[in-house]
Amino acid sequence: MPINFFKYLANQNGDHILRITPPEHLKEVVEGFYVFKAGYAGERELFFNDGYPVVALMQNRNENVRVSMDGHTKCVGNTWVCGGVLRNIYCESELHFQDCLVIRFYAVTFFKLFGINEDCFQKKQVFDFSEIAGYGFKKFKEAYYHYSSLEERMKKTVNFLSEKISVYSYPKVLIDIQNYIDRQGNLTVRDILDGYTVRLNYKWLERNFKKHLGISPQSYLLVRRFLNAYLDLDSLTSKDLLQIAIDNGYYDDNHFIKDFRRFSGVPPKTYFNRPIRALK
């Protein structure tokens, strides 16, 4: 999803975002439903994922999103999926994402819900939701865009997801570990092994992250570190790269710049000096 949306997640139910709590029977599957009440757009909007796979439904049926990946531009439609580690992927559509509904899933249950392999995001990170939505999606999509009210759209969305829930087993502690990482911020794998309330084995953590979240614990921590540093850099008028880098666990500013290039394709100075359209 567009990286600038992440700065609104911390200020839920503010001027820019509305969070809708999932019903009880979906709470192990969906972290939250989010409606963006104001859209943000740059000349080219960097796409990112923070470790929680998302499904996004654009406000209008004719709002199709185009993204550039590996030098190629493709259309991912008006309902699309985003997950895994995104590097140098940009939205090329001139859309403001206003009233876009984003469903933020727990990775540990996302793959089981849609019956897909945990490595699906290693092959592609942004794609049309129809590729994995499965039975009933066409009917759901028609019903969703038939209504304009958020209440009716939420009913259709909850019903669609509810019909996909089946009984399966997974280590529930993984969701707790993911929440622990998100709360603590700058961590290493060793910090998790030593600091989590339950004693963990490295091989168990590595194996189960890859099996159930589709990503290694090291990659998840790298994604979180970059996102936190990006948001710090974006929020400050005086951007001290070295201090931000150190505060977020980088060795120095060159280490952070190298990571910034890896995720965005350009250094921070180039990225933040690009033209920005006004918030609408």
C-alpha atoms as a PDB file:
ATOM      1  CA  MET A   1       0.000   0.000   0.000  1.00  0.00           C
ATOM      2  CA  PRO A   2       1.191   3.617  -0.382  1.00  0.00           C
ATOM      3  CA  ILE A   3       3.855   4.118   2.272  1.00  0.00           C
ATOM      4  CA  ASN A   4       2.464   7.429   3.526  1.00  0.00           C
ATOM      5  CA  PHE A   5      -0.674   5.671   4.765  1.00  0.00           C
ATOM      6  CA  PHE A   6       1.359   4.057   7.543  1.00  0.00           C
ATOM      7  CA  LYS A   7       1.831   7.353   9.347  1.00  0.00           C
ATOM      8  CA  TYR A   8      -1.956   7.570   9.726  1.00  0.00           C
ATOM      9  CA  LEU A   9      -2.258   4.116  11.330  1.00  0.00           C
ATOM     10  CA  ALA A  10      -0.845   5.429  14.607  1.00  0.00           C
ATOM     11  CA  ASN A  11      -3.529   8.139  14.714  1.00  0.00           C
ATOM     12  CA  GLN A  12      -6.589   6.017  14.102  1.00  0.00           C
ATOM     13  CA  ASN A  13     -10.012   7.619  13.823  1.00  0.00           C
ATOM     14  CA  GLY A  14      -8.385  10.971  13.147  1.00  0.00           C
ATOM     15  CA  ASP A  15      -8.881  13.253  10.177  1.00  0.00           C
ATOM     16  CA  HIS A  16      -7.315  10.839   7.711  1.00  0.00           C
ATOM     17  CA  ILE A  17      -8.281   7.342   8.728  1.00  0.00           C
ATOM     18  CA  LEU A  18     -11.135   5.405  10.271  1.00  0.00           C
ATOM     19  CA  ARG A  19     -10.465   2.022  11.879  1.00  0.00           C
ATOM     20  CA  ILE A  20     -13.295  -0.480  12.096  1.00  0.00           C
ATOM     21  CA  THR A  21     -12.807  -3.304  14.579  1.00  0.00           C
ATOM     22  CA  PRO A  22     -13.419  -6.741  13.071  1.00  0.00           C
ATOM     23  CA  PRO A  23     -16.239  -8.858  14.528  1.00  0.00           C
ATOM     24  CA  GLU A  24     -15.196 -11.377  17.171  1.00  0.00           C
ATOM     25  CA  HIS A  25     -15.118 -14.370  14.826  1.00  0.00           C
ATOM     26  CA  LEU A  26     -12.683 -12.573  12.475  1.00  0.00           C
ATOM     27  CA  LYS A  27     -10.269 -11.184  15.082  1.00  0.00           C
ATOM     28  CA  GLU A  28      -7.734 -13.985  14.585  1.00  0.00           C
ATOM     29  CA  VAL A  29      -7.770 -13.311  10.843  1.00  0.00           C
ATOM     30  CA  VAL A  30      -8.195  -9.538  10.401  1.00  0.00           C
ATOM     31  CA  GLU A  31      -6.117  -7.023  12.372  1.00  0.00           C
ATOM     32  CA  GLY A  32      -8.443  -4.226  11.314  1.00  0.00           C
ATOM     33  CA  PHE A  33     -10.522  -2.632   8.560  1.00  0.00           C
ATOM     34  CA  TYR A  34      -9.349   0.856   7.566  1.00  0.00           C
ATOM     35  CA  VAL A  35     -11.049   3.544   5.516  1.00  0.00           C
ATOM     36  CA  PHE A  36      -8.854   6.394   4.352  1.00  0.00           C
ATOM     37  CA  LYS A  37     -10.909   9.540   4.596  1.00  0.00           C
ATOM     38  CA  ALA A  38      -8.338  11.677   2.803  1.00  0.00           C
ATOM     39  CA  GLY A  39      -6.037  10.543   0.040  1.00  0.00           C
ATOM     40  CA  TYR A  40      -2.376  11.337  -0.385  1.00  0.00           C
ATOM     41  CA  ALA A  41      -0.621  11.272  -3.728  1.00  0.00           C
ATOM     42  CA  GLY A  42       2.874  12.017  -4.935  1.00  0.00           C
ATOM     43  CA  GLU A  43       4.148  12.084  -8.477  1.00  0.00           C
ATOM     44  CA  ARG A  44       4.980   8.407  -8.012  1.00  0.00           C
ATOM     45  CA  GLU A  45       3.830   6.867  -4.745  1.00  0.00           C
ATOM     46  CA  LEU A  46       6.145   4.309  -3.149  1.00  0.00           C
ATOM     47  CA  PHE A  47       4.383   1.069  -2.225  1.00  0.00           C
ATOM     48  CA  PHE A  48       5.336  -0.747   0.970  1.00  0.00           C
ATOM     49  CA  ASN A  49       4.140  -3.478   3.304  1.00  0.00           C
ATOM     50  CA  ASP A  50       4.816  -3.688   7.045  1.00  0.00           C
ATOM     51  CA  GLY A  51       4.448  -7.456   7.408  1.00  0.00           C
ATOM     52  CA  TYR A  52       0.641  -7.516   7.482  1.00  0.00           C
ATOM     53  CA  PRO A  53      -0.809  -8.585   4.105  1.00  0.00           C
ATOM     54  CA  VAL A  54      -3.539  -6.238   2.924  1.00  0.00           C
ATOM     55  CA  VAL A  55      -6.436  -6.353   0.506  1.00  0.00           C
ATOM     56  CA  ALA A  56      -7.494  -2.938  -0.774  1.00  0.00           C
ATOM     57  CA  LEU A  57     -10.803  -2.079  -2.404  1.00  0.00           C
ATOM     58  CA  MET A  58     -10.854   1.236  -4.223  1.00  0.00           C
ATOM     59  CA  GLN A  59     -13.817   3.540  -3.705  1.00  0.00           C
ATOM     60  CA  ASN A  60     -15.132   3.348  -7.274  1.00  0.00           C
ATOM     61  CA  ARG A  61     -15.429   0.465  -9.710  1.00  0.00           C
ATOM     62  CA  ASN A  62     -13.465   2.325 -12.403  1.00  0.00           C
ATOM     63  CA  GLU A  63     -10.470   3.243 -10.194  1.00  0.00           C
ATOM     64  CA  ASN A  64      -7.852   0.817 -11.452  1.00  0.00           C
ATOM     65  CA  VAL A  65      -4.403   0.892  -9.876  1.00  0.00           C
ATOM     66  CA  ARG A  66      -1.268   0.605 -11.993  1.00  0.00           C
ATOM     67  CA  VAL A  67       2.077  -0.258 -10.422  1.00  0.00           C
ATOM     68  CA  SER A  68       5.634  -0.418 -11.742  1.00  0.00           C
ATOM     69  CA  MET A  69       7.654  -3.476 -10.747  1.00  0.00           C
ATOM     70  CA  ASP A  70      11.065  -4.407 -12.125  1.00  0.00           C
ATOM     71  CA  GLY A  71      10.744  -1.721 -14.777  1.00  0.00           C
ATOM     72  CA  HIS A  72       7.368  -2.971 -16.010  1.00  0.00           C
ATOM     73  CA  THR A  73       3.986  -1.331 -15.422  1.00  0.00           C
ATOM     74  CA  LYS A  74       0.918  -3.477 -14.896  1.00  0.00           C
ATOM     75  CA  CYS A  75      -2.689  -2.949 -13.841  1.00  0.00           C
ATOM     76  CA  VAL A  76      -3.755  -4.673 -10.612  1.00  0.00           C
ATOM     77  CA  GLY A  77      -7.390  -3.604 -10.832  1.00  0.00           C
ATOM     78  CA  ASN A  78      -9.659  -1.897  -8.339  1.00  0.00           C
ATOM     79  CA  THR A  79      -9.303  -4.664  -5.716  1.00  0.00           C
ATOM     80  CA  TRP A  80      -5.736  -5.687  -5.080  1.00  0.00           C
ATOM     81  CA  VAL A  81      -3.423  -7.502  -2.680  1.00  0.00           C
ATOM     82  CA  CYS A  82      -0.144  -6.273  -1.221  1.00  0.00           C
ATOM     83  CA  GLY A  83       2.282  -8.284   0.903  1.00  0.00           C
ATOM     84  CA  GLY A  84       5.815  -9.518   1.437  1.00  0.00           C
ATOM     85  CA  VAL A  85       8.952  -7.427   1.050  1.00  0.00           C
ATOM     86  CA  LEU A  86       8.417  -4.645  -1.502  1.00  0.00           C
ATOM     87  CA  ARG A  87      11.458  -3.090  -3.139  1.00  0.00           C
ATOM     88  CA  ASN A  88      11.328  -0.220  -5.620  1.00  0.00           C
ATOM     89  CA  ILE A  89       7.618  -0.677  -6.391  1.00  0.00           C
ATOM     90  CA  TYR A  90       5.615   2.453  -7.191  1.00  0.00           C
ATOM     91  CA  CYS A  91       1.997   3.296  -7.876  1.00  0.00           C
ATOM     92  CA  GLU A  92       1.761   4.932 -11.291  1.00  0.00           C
ATOM     93  CA  SER A  93      -1.952   5.820 -11.148  1.00  0.00           C
ATOM     94  CA  GLU A  94      -3.018   9.376 -10.383  1.00  0.00           C
ATOM     95  CA  LEU A  95      -5.355   8.296  -7.598  1.00  0.00           C
ATOM     96  CA  HIS A  96      -5.863   9.785  -4.154  1.00  0.00           C
ATOM     97  CA  PHE A  97      -7.147   6.602  -2.488  1.00  0.00           C
ATOM     98  CA  GLN A  98      -9.889   8.560  -0.720  1.00  0.00           C
ATOM     99  CA  ASP A  99     -12.460   6.199   0.855  1.00  0.00           C
ATOM    100  CA  CYS A 100     -10.351   3.204  -0.117  1.00  0.00           C
ATOM    101  CA  LEU A 101     -11.105   0.244   2.190  1.00  0.00           C
ATOM    102  CA  VAL A 102      -8.008  -1.614   3.375  1.00  0.00           C
ATOM    103  CA  ILE A 103      -8.290  -4.972   5.128  1.00  0.00           C
ATOM    104  CA  ARG A 104      -5.161  -5.629   7.185  1.00  0.00           C
ATOM    105  CA  PHE A 105      -4.665  -9.351   7.822  1.00  0.00           C
ATOM    106  CA  TYR A 106      -2.513 -11.348  10.185  1.00  0.00           C
ATOM    107  CA  ALA A 107      -0.075 -13.174   7.920  1.00  0.00           C
ATOM    108  CA  VAL A 108      -0.265 -16.328  10.008  1.00  0.00           C
ATOM    109  CA  THR A 109      -3.938 -16.783   9.049  1.00  0.00           C
ATOM    110  CA  PHE A 110      -4.006 -14.958   5.692  1.00  0.00           C
ATOM    111  CA  PHE A 111      -2.486 -17.782   3.657  1.00  0.00           C
ATOM    112  CA  LYS A 112      -4.789 -20.410   5.130  1.00  0.00           C
ATOM    113  CA  LEU A 113      -7.855 -18.219   4.609  1.00  0.00           C
ATOM    114  CA  PHE A 114      -7.277 -18.011   0.863  1.00  0.00           C
ATOM    115  CA  GLY A 115      -5.670 -21.436   0.427  1.00  0.00           C
ATOM    116  CA  ILE A 116      -2.383 -20.151  -0.997  1.00  0.00           C
ATOM    117  CA  ASN A 117       1.255 -21.031  -0.403  1.00  0.00           C
ATOM    118  CA  GLU A 118       3.217 -19.023   2.132  1.00  0.00           C
ATOM    119  CA  ASP A 119       5.807 -18.135  -0.527  1.00  0.00           C
ATOM    120  CA  CYS A 120       3.324 -16.458  -2.890  1.00  0.00           C
ATOM    121  CA  PHE A 121       4.622 -12.951  -2.065  1.00  0.00           C
ATOM    122  CA  GLN A 122       8.173 -13.967  -2.971  1.00  0.00           C
ATOM    123  CA  LYS A 123       7.066 -14.231  -6.603  1.00  0.00           C
ATOM    124  CA  LYS A 124       4.977 -11.030  -6.724  1.00  0.00           C
ATOM    125  CA  GLN A 125       4.088  -8.503  -4.061  1.00  0.00           C
ATOM    126  CA  VAL A 126       1.171  -6.542  -5.562  1.00  0.00           C
ATOM    127  CA  PHE A 127      -1.478  -8.206  -7.693  1.00  0.00           C
ATOM    128  CA  ASP A 128      -5.187  -8.362  -8.497  1.00  0.00           C
ATOM    129  CA  PHE A 129      -7.228  -9.818  -5.621  1.00  0.00           C
ATOM    130  CA  SER A 130      -9.156 -11.990  -8.075  1.00  0.00           C
ATOM    131  CA  GLU A 131      -6.049 -14.183  -8.411  1.00  0.00           C
ATOM    132  CA  ILE A 132      -6.487 -15.585  -4.877  1.00  0.00           C
ATOM    133  CA  ALA A 133      -9.996 -14.568  -3.755  1.00  0.00           C
ATOM    134  CA  GLY A 134     -11.533 -17.851  -4.839  1.00  0.00           C
ATOM    135  CA  TYR A 135     -15.150 -18.933  -4.884  1.00  0.00           C
ATOM    136  CA  GLY A 136     -17.774 -16.228  -4.463  1.00  0.00           C
ATOM    137  CA  PHE A 137     -15.478 -13.307  -5.303  1.00  0.00           C
ATOM    138  CA  LYS A 138     -17.304 -12.191  -8.457  1.00  0.00           C
ATOM    139  CA  LYS A 139     -20.616 -12.094  -6.595  1.00  0.00           C
ATOM    140  CA  PHE A 140     -19.005 -10.264  -3.668  1.00  0.00           C
ATOM    141  CA  LYS A 141     -17.400  -7.658  -5.911  1.00  0.00           C
ATOM    142  CA  GLU A 142     -20.653  -6.946  -7.724  1.00  0.00           C
ATOM    143  CA  ALA A 143     -22.474  -6.557  -4.400  1.00  0.00           C
ATOM    144  CA  TYR A 144     -19.717  -4.364  -2.937  1.00  0.00           C
ATOM    145  CA  TYR A 145     -19.806  -1.842  -5.776  1.00  0.00           C
ATOM    146  CA  HIS A 146     -23.587  -1.994  -6.010  1.00  0.00           C
ATOM    147  CA  TYR A 147     -23.755  -0.159  -2.665  1.00  0.00           C
ATOM    148  CA  SER A 148     -22.230   3.206  -1.872  1.00  0.00           C
ATOM    149  CA  SER A 149     -22.709   3.257   1.908  1.00  0.00           C
ATOM    150  CA  LEU A 150     -19.855   2.070   4.117  1.00  0.00           C
ATOM    151  CA  GLU A 151     -22.263   0.108   6.304  1.00  0.00           C
ATOM    152  CA  GLU A 152     -23.538  -2.024   3.423  1.00  0.00           C
ATOM    153  CA  ARG A 153     -20.070  -2.488   1.991  1.00  0.00           C
ATOM    154  CA  MET A 154     -18.766  -3.674   5.360  1.00  0.00           C
ATOM    155  CA  LYS A 155     -21.617  -6.191   5.651  1.00  0.00           C
ATOM    156  CA  LYS A 156     -20.740  -7.679   2.268  1.00  0.00           C
ATOM    157  CA  THR A 157     -17.028  -7.776   3.123  1.00  0.00           C
ATOM    158  CA  VAL A 158     -17.530  -9.446   6.500  1.00  0.00           C
ATOM    159  CA  ASN A 159     -19.889 -12.019   4.957  1.00  0.00           C
ATOM    160  CA  PHE A 160     -17.392 -12.816   2.196  1.00  0.00           C
ATOM    161  CA  LEU A 161     -14.547 -13.380   4.657  1.00  0.00           C
ATOM    162  CA  SER A 162     -16.738 -15.277   7.124  1.00  0.00           C
ATOM    163  CA  GLU A 163     -17.650 -17.828   4.472  1.00  0.00           C
ATOM    164  CA  LYS A 164     -13.947 -18.597   3.971  1.00  0.00           C
ATOM    165  CA  ILE A 165     -13.121 -19.402   7.578  1.00  0.00           C
ATOM    166  CA  SER A 166     -12.350 -23.046   8.185  1.00  0.00           C
ATOM    167  CA  VAL A 167     -10.795 -24.947  11.041  1.00  0.00           C
ATOM    168  CA  TYR A 168      -7.014 -25.081  10.865  1.00  0.00           C
ATOM    169  CA  SER A 169      -4.192 -25.081  13.383  1.00  0.00           C
ATOM    170  CA  TYR A 170      -1.270 -22.694  13.734  1.00  0.00           C
ATOM    171  CA  PRO A 171       0.964 -21.549  16.597  1.00  0.00           C
ATOM    172  CA  LYS A 172      -1.099 -18.722  18.114  1.00  0.00           C
ATOM    173  CA  VAL A 173       2.049 -17.430  19.830  1.00  0.00           C
ATOM    174  CA  LEU A 174       3.199 -16.116  16.423  1.00  0.00           C
ATOM    175  CA  ILE A 175       0.553 -13.375  16.472  1.00  0.00           C
ATOM    176  CA  ASP A 176       1.696 -12.420  19.995  1.00  0.00           C
ATOM    177  CA  ILE A 177       5.326 -12.314  18.821  1.00  0.00           C
ATOM    178  CA  GLN A 178       4.381 -10.133  15.857  1.00  0.00           C
ATOM    179  CA  ASN A 179       2.533  -7.729  18.157  1.00  0.00           C
ATOM    180  CA  TYR A 180       5.509  -7.771  20.556  1.00  0.00           C
ATOM    181  CA  ILE A 181       7.865  -6.737  17.731  1.00  0.00           C
ATOM    182  CA  ASP A 182       5.512  -3.947  16.645  1.00  0.00           C
ATOM    183  CA  ARG A 183       5.262  -2.573  20.213  1.00  0.00           C
ATOM    184  CA  GLN A 184       8.969  -2.733  21.036  1.00  0.00           C
ATOM    185  CA  GLY A 185      10.203  -1.191  17.818  1.00  0.00           C
ATOM    186  CA  ASN A 186      13.933  -1.608  17.201  1.00  0.00           C
ATOM    187  CA  LEU A 187      14.762  -5.263  17.900  1.00  0.00           C
ATOM    188  CA  THR A 188      17.069  -8.025  16.718  1.00  0.00           C
ATOM    189  CA  VAL A 189      16.269 -11.721  16.527  1.00  0.00           C
ATOM    190  CA  ARG A 190      18.436 -12.185  19.628  1.00  0.00           C
ATOM    191  CA  ASP A 191      16.367  -9.547  21.474  1.00  0.00           C
ATOM    192  CA  ILE A 192      13.217 -11.538  20.688  1.00  0.00           C
ATOM    193  CA  LEU A 193      14.751 -14.803  21.844  1.00  0.00           C
ATOM    194  CA  ASP A 194      16.025 -13.252  25.084  1.00  0.00           C
ATOM    195  CA  GLY A 195      13.276 -10.725  25.857  1.00  0.00           C
ATOM    196  CA  TYR A 196       9.995 -12.393  24.953  1.00  0.00           C
ATOM    197  CA  THR A 197       7.951 -13.667  27.890  1.00  0.00           C
ATOM    198  CA  VAL A 198       8.195 -17.265  26.663  1.00  0.00           C
ATOM    199  CA  ARG A 199      11.600 -18.818  25.982  1.00  0.00           C
ATOM    200  CA  LEU A 200      11.972 -19.340  22.238  1.00  0.00           C
ATOM    201  CA  ASN A 201      14.237 -21.523  20.156  1.00  0.00           C
ATOM    202  CA  TYR A 202      15.886 -19.874  17.133  1.00  0.00           C
ATOM    203  CA  LYS A 203      15.222 -22.759  14.765  1.00  0.00           C
ATOM    204  CA  TRP A 204      11.571 -22.901  15.853  1.00  0.00           C
ATOM    205  CA  LEU A 205      11.174 -19.140  15.295  1.00  0.00           C
ATOM    206  CA  GLU A 206      12.850 -19.252  11.877  1.00  0.00           C
ATOM    207  CA  ARG A 207      10.904 -22.289  10.699  1.00  0.00           C
ATOM    208  CA  ASN A 208       7.496 -21.079  11.862  1.00  0.00           C
ATOM    209  CA  PHE A 209       7.920 -17.506  10.587  1.00  0.00           C
ATOM    210  CA  LYS A 210       8.670 -18.851   7.118  1.00  0.00           C
ATOM    211  CA  LYS A 211       5.962 -21.500   7.289  1.00  0.00           C
ATOM    212  CA  HIS A 212       3.105 -19.359   8.599  1.00  0.00           C
ATOM    213  CA  LEU A 213       4.052 -15.747   7.769  1.00  0.00           C
ATOM    214  CA  GLY A 214       5.873 -16.398   4.500  1.00  0.00           C
ATOM    215  CA  ILE A 215       8.867 -14.344   5.620  1.00  0.00           C
ATOM    216  CA  SER A 216      11.909 -14.899   7.839  1.00  0.00           C
ATOM    217  CA  PRO A 217      12.081 -13.115  11.222  1.00  0.00           C
ATOM    218  CA  GLN A 218      15.167 -11.247   9.986  1.00  0.00           C
ATOM    219  CA  SER A 219      13.300  -9.923   6.941  1.00  0.00           C
ATOM    220  CA  TYR A 220      10.314  -8.921   9.068  1.00  0.00           C
ATOM    221  CA  LEU A 221      12.579  -6.953  11.428  1.00  0.00           C
ATOM    222  CA  LEU A 222      14.324  -5.268   8.467  1.00  0.00           C
ATOM    223  CA  VAL A 223      10.963  -4.163   7.043  1.00  0.00           C
ATOM    224  CA  ARG A 224       9.832  -2.768  10.400  1.00  0.00           C
ATOM    225  CA  ARG A 225      13.156  -0.974  10.928  1.00  0.00           C
ATOM    226  CA  PHE A 226      13.007   0.734   7.550  1.00  0.00           C
ATOM    227  CA  LEU A 227       9.365   1.753   7.987  1.00  0.00           C
ATOM    228  CA  ASN A 228      10.042   3.278  11.415  1.00  0.00           C
ATOM    229  CA  ALA A 229      13.060   5.187  10.081  1.00  0.00           C
ATOM    230  CA  TYR A 230      11.081   6.365   7.039  1.00  0.00           C
ATOM    231  CA  LEU A 231       8.259   7.692   9.217  1.00  0.00           C
ATOM    232  CA  ASP A 232      10.752   9.475  11.497  1.00  0.00           C
ATOM    233  CA  LEU A 233      12.412  11.060   8.481  1.00  0.00           C
ATOM    234  CA  ASP A 234       9.084  12.048   6.947  1.00  0.00           C
ATOM    235  CA  SER A 235       7.791  13.665  10.154  1.00  0.00           C
ATOM    236  CA  LEU A 236      10.790  15.897  10.877  1.00  0.00           C
ATOM    237  CA  THR A 237      11.378  19.268   9.270  1.00  0.00           C
ATOM    238  CA  SER A 238      15.068  19.057  10.151  1.00  0.00           C
ATOM    239  CA  LYS A 239      16.106  15.666   8.830  1.00  0.00           C
ATOM    240  CA  ASP A 240      19.257  14.509  10.669  1.00  0.00           C
ATOM    241  CA  LEU A 241      19.949  11.275   8.825  1.00  0.00           C
ATOM    242  CA  LEU A 242      22.641  10.072  11.209  1.00  0.00           C
ATOM    243  CA  GLN A 243      20.476  10.476  14.323  1.00  0.00           C
ATOM    244  CA  ILE A 244      17.452   8.874  12.695  1.00  0.00           C
ATOM    245  CA  ALA A 245      19.604   6.000  11.470  1.00  0.00           C
ATOM    246  CA  ILE A 246      21.096   5.327  14.906  1.00  0.00           C
ATOM    247  CA  ASP A 247      17.735   5.698  16.675  1.00  0.00           C
ATOM    248  CA  ASN A 248      16.331   2.972  14.449  1.00  0.00           C
ATOM    249  CA  GLY A 249      19.154   0.461  14.748  1.00  0.00           C
ATOM    250  CA  TYR A 250      21.306   1.312  11.728  1.00  0.00           C
ATOM    251  CA  TYR A 251      25.086   1.452  12.092  1.00  0.00           C
ATOM    252  CA  ASP A 252      25.286   4.912  10.517  1.00  0.00           C
ATOM    253  CA  ASP A 253      23.623   7.137   7.920  1.00  0.00           C
ATOM    254  CA  ASN A 254      25.278   5.288   5.009  1.00  0.00           C
ATOM    255  CA  HIS A 255      23.711   2.054   6.228  1.00  0.00           C
ATOM    256  CA  PHE A 256      20.280   3.720   6.249  1.00  0.00           C
ATOM    257  CA  ILE A 257      20.817   5.321   2.815  1.00  0.00           C
ATOM    258  CA  LYS A 258      21.739   1.921   1.368  1.00  0.00           C
ATOM    259  CA  ASP A 259      18.531   0.438   2.815  1.00  0.00           C
ATOM    260  CA  PHE A 260      16.505   3.406   1.522  1.00  0.00           C
ATOM    261  CA  ARG A 261      17.833   2.790  -1.984  1.00  0.00           C
ATOM    262  CA  ARG A 262      16.964  -0.889  -1.706  1.00  0.00           C
ATOM    263  CA  PHE A 263      13.314  -0.159  -0.875  1.00  0.00           C
ATOM    264  CA  SER A 264      12.679   2.971  -2.961  1.00  0.00           C
ATOM    265  CA  GLY A 265      15.267   2.881  -5.742  1.00  0.00           C
ATOM    266  CA  VAL A 266      16.630   6.335  -4.829  1.00  0.00           C
ATOM    267  CA  PRO A 267      18.449   7.974  -1.857  1.00  0.00           C
ATOM    268  CA  PRO A 268      16.383   9.851   0.783  1.00  0.00           C
ATOM    269  CA  LYS A 269      17.309  13.316  -0.505  1.00  0.00           C
ATOM    270  CA  THR A 270      16.080  12.514  -4.015  1.00  0.00           C
ATOM    271  CA  TYR A 271      12.927  10.842  -2.720  1.00  0.00           C
ATOM    272  CA  PHE A 272      11.826  13.661  -0.399  1.00  0.00           C
ATOM    273  CA  ASN A 273      12.673  16.416  -2.886  1.00  0.00           C
ATOM    274  CA  ARG A 274      10.305  14.988  -5.517  1.00  0.00           C
ATOM    275  CA  PRO A 275       7.182  17.050  -6.332  1.00  0.00           C
ATOM    276  CA  ILE A 276       4.244  16.339  -4.015  1.00  0.00           C
ATOM    277  CA  ARG A 277       0.649  17.092  -4.824  1.00  0.00           C
ATOM    278  CA  ALA A 278      -1.493  18.629  -2.118  1.00  0.00           C
ATOM    279  CA  LEU A 279      -3.572  16.467   0.205  1.00  0.00           C
ATOM    280  CA  LYS A 280      -7.212  16.311  -0.813  1.00  0.00           C
END
